[in-house]
C-alpha atoms as a PDB file:
ATOM      1  CA  MET A   1      55.854  91.225 207.130  1.00  0.00           C
ATOM      2  CA  ARG A   2      58.890  90.414 205.015  1.00  0.00           C
ATOM      3  CA  LEU A   3      57.170  87.349 203.545  1.00  0.00           C
ATOM      4  CA  LYS A   4      54.116  89.411 202.705  1.00  0.00           C
ATOM      5  CA  SER A   5      56.319  91.942 200.912  1.00  0.00           C
ATOM      6  CA  GLU A   6      58.087  89.209 198.918  1.00  0.00           C
ATOM      7  CA  VAL A   7      54.755  87.673 197.909  1.00  0.00           C
ATOM      8  CA  SER A   8      53.500  91.075 196.841  1.00  0.00           C
ATOM      9  CA  GLU A   9      56.654  91.757 194.765  1.00  0.00           C
ATOM     10  CA  THR A  10      56.458  88.333 193.156  1.00  0.00           C
ATOM     11  CA  GLU A  11      52.816  88.881 192.294  1.00  0.00           C
ATOM     12  CA  GLU A  12      53.618  92.279 190.764  1.00  0.00           C
ATOM     13  CA  ARG A  13      56.383  90.738 188.609  1.00  0.00           C
ATOM     14  CA  LYS A  14      54.020  87.946 187.595  1.00  0.00           C
ATOM     15  CA  ASN A  15      51.309  90.438 186.630  1.00  0.00           C
ATOM     16  CA  ALA A  16      53.846  92.542 184.712  1.00  0.00           C
ATOM     17  CA  GLN A  17      55.049  89.472 182.815  1.00  0.00           C
ATOM     18  CA  ILE A  18      51.469  88.457 182.041  1.00  0.00           C
ATOM     19  CA  GLU A  19      50.716  91.960 180.740  1.00  0.00           C
ATOM     20  CA  GLU A  20      53.893  91.961 178.635  1.00  0.00           C
ATOM     21  CA  MET A  21      53.009  88.570 177.114  1.00  0.00           C
ATOM     22  CA  ARG A  22      49.444  89.732 176.451  1.00  0.00           C
ATOM     23  CA  LYS A  23      50.733  92.819 174.599  1.00  0.00           C
ATOM     24  CA  LYS A  24      53.223  90.735 172.568  1.00  0.00           C
ATOM     25  CA  ASN A  25      50.510  88.233 171.654  1.00  0.00           C
ATOM     26  CA  GLU A  26      48.108  91.014 170.702  1.00  0.00           C
ATOM     27  CA  LYS A  27      50.776  92.625 168.501  1.00  0.00           C
ATOM     28  CA  ALA A  28      51.624  89.282 166.855  1.00  0.00           C
ATOM     29  CA  PHE A  29      47.940  88.547 166.249  1.00  0.00           C
ATOM     30  CA  THR A  30      47.433  91.988 164.682  1.00  0.00           C
ATOM     31  CA  GLU A  31      50.462  91.481 162.420  1.00  0.00           C
ATOM     32  CA  ILE A  32      49.233  88.046 161.302  1.00  0.00           C
ATOM     33  CA  LYS A  33      45.722  89.386 160.750  1.00  0.00           C
ATOM     34  CA  ASN A  34      47.051  92.275 158.644  1.00  0.00           C
ATOM     35  CA  TYR A  35      49.297  89.907 156.688  1.00  0.00           C
ATOM     36  CA  TYR A  36      46.400  87.597 155.773  1.00  0.00           C
ATOM     37  CA  ASN A  37      44.086  90.529 155.060  1.00  0.00           C
ATOM     38  CA  ASP A  38      46.667  91.862 152.582  1.00  0.00           C
ATOM     39  CA  ILE A  39      46.906  88.442 150.939  1.00  0.00           C
ATOM     40  CA  THR A  40      43.116  88.230 150.720  1.00  0.00           C
ATOM     41  CA  LEU A  41      42.824  91.700 149.195  1.00  0.00           C
ATOM     42  CA  ASN A  42      45.565  90.937 146.676  1.00  0.00           C
ATOM     43  CA  ASN A  43      43.903  87.645 145.759  1.00  0.00           C
ATOM     44  CA  LEU A  44      40.518  89.329 145.290  1.00  0.00           C
ATOM     45  CA  ALA A  45      42.096  91.959 143.054  1.00  0.00           C
ATOM     46  CA  MET A  46      43.840  89.253 141.044  1.00  0.00           C
ATOM     47  CA  ILE A  47      40.604  87.275 140.698  1.00  0.00           C
ATOM     48  CA  SER A  48      38.831  90.389 139.454  1.00  0.00           C
ATOM     49  CA  THR A  49      41.594  91.090 136.935  1.00  0.00           C
ATOM     50  CA  LEU A  50      41.592  87.489 135.714  1.00  0.00           C
ATOM     51  CA  LYS A  51      37.810  87.534 135.323  1.00  0.00           C
ATOM     52  CA  GLU A  52      38.100  90.674 133.189  1.00  0.00           C
ATOM     53  CA  GLU A  53      40.832  89.049 131.092  1.00  0.00           C
ATOM     54  CA  ILE A  54      38.696  85.935 130.574  1.00  0.00           C
ATOM     55  CA  LYS A  55      35.723  88.057 129.552  1.00  0.00           C
ATOM     56  CA  SER A  56      37.881  90.024 127.117  1.00  0.00           C
ATOM     57  CA  LYS A  57      39.365  86.847 125.630  1.00  0.00           C
ATOM     58  CA  ASP A  58      35.903  85.273 125.319  1.00  0.00           C
ATOM     59  CA  GLU A  59      34.659  88.354 123.466  1.00  0.00           C
ATOM     60  CA  LYS A  60      37.707  88.279 121.190  1.00  0.00           C
ATOM     61  CA  LEU A  61      37.197  84.566 120.541  1.00  0.00           C
ATOM     62  CA  GLU A  62      33.549  85.187 119.649  1.00  0.00           C
ATOM     63  CA  ARG A  63      34.546  87.967 117.215  1.00  0.00           C
ATOM     64  CA  ASN A  64      37.187  85.700 115.677  1.00  0.00           C
ATOM     65  CA  GLU A  65      34.656  82.900 115.252  1.00  0.00           C
ATOM     66  CA  GLN A  66      32.283  85.321 113.518  1.00  0.00           C
ATOM     67  CA  LEU A  67      35.105  86.498 111.249  1.00  0.00           C
ATOM     68  CA  LEU A  68      35.997  82.897 110.464  1.00  0.00           C
ATOM     69  CA  VAL A  69      32.419  82.189 109.385  1.00  0.00           C
ATOM     70  CA  THR A  70      32.481  85.317 107.222  1.00  0.00           C
ATOM     71  CA  VAL A  71      35.793  84.282 105.624  1.00  0.00           C
ATOM     72  CA  GLN A  72      34.467  80.774 104.976  1.00  0.00           C
ATOM     73  CA  VAL A  73      31.366  82.180 103.284  1.00  0.00           C
ATOM     74  CA  CYS A  74      33.531  84.516 101.172  1.00  0.00           C
ATOM     75  CA  TRP A  75      35.782  81.620 100.093  1.00  0.00           C
ATOM     76  CA  LYS A  76      32.765  79.554  99.192  1.00  0.00           C
ATOM     77  CA  ILE A  77      31.367  82.411  97.087  1.00  0.00           C
ATOM     78  CA  TYR A  78      34.784  82.977  95.517  1.00  0.00           C
ATOM     79  CA  PHE A  79      35.160  79.345  94.476  1.00  0.00           C
ATOM     80  CA  GLN A  80      31.592  79.223  93.173  1.00  0.00           C
ATOM     81  CA  GLN A  81      32.220  82.315  91.088  1.00  0.00           C
ATOM     82  CA  LYS A  82      35.521  80.883  89.894  1.00  0.00           C
ATOM     83  CA  MET A  83      33.747  77.667  88.882  1.00  0.00           C
ATOM     84  CA  TYR A  84      31.004  79.627  87.092  1.00  0.00           C
ATOM     85  CA  LEU A  85      33.649  81.661  85.276  1.00  0.00           C
ATOM     86  CA  SER A  86      35.458  78.473  84.206  1.00  0.00           C
ATOM     87  CA  ILE A  87      32.208  76.970  82.925  1.00  0.00           C
ATOM     88  CA  TRP A  88      31.337  80.208  81.172  1.00  0.00           C
ATOM     89  CA  ASN A  89      34.794  80.333  79.527  1.00  0.00           C
ATOM     90  CA  MET A  90      34.391  76.699  78.401  1.00  0.00           C
ATOM     91  CA  ILE A  91      31.007  77.523  76.865  1.00  0.00           C
ATOM     92  CA  LEU A  92      32.304  80.608  75.102  1.00  0.00           C
ATOM     93  CA  GLY A  93      35.385  79.194  74.193  1.00  0.00           C
END
């Protein structure tokens, strides 16, 4: 009878320890899962922000390239007009 009681107590302690370890492992797993989910969410937000920045910079670059073409055309016209004026002044004078 005494042996049976000791075996039963030992089994209860074993089961309690197993349950305690299961709860600790479950808690640790949940913490790790939440940690990596937070990292993933932050990374996705950062990727989205960076994509928007790239799009904005690409649009700005395109506008700048268009302005550069416009400025180049204006300079070309300016120098042509300056040359015509010089020729005209030489003819007249």
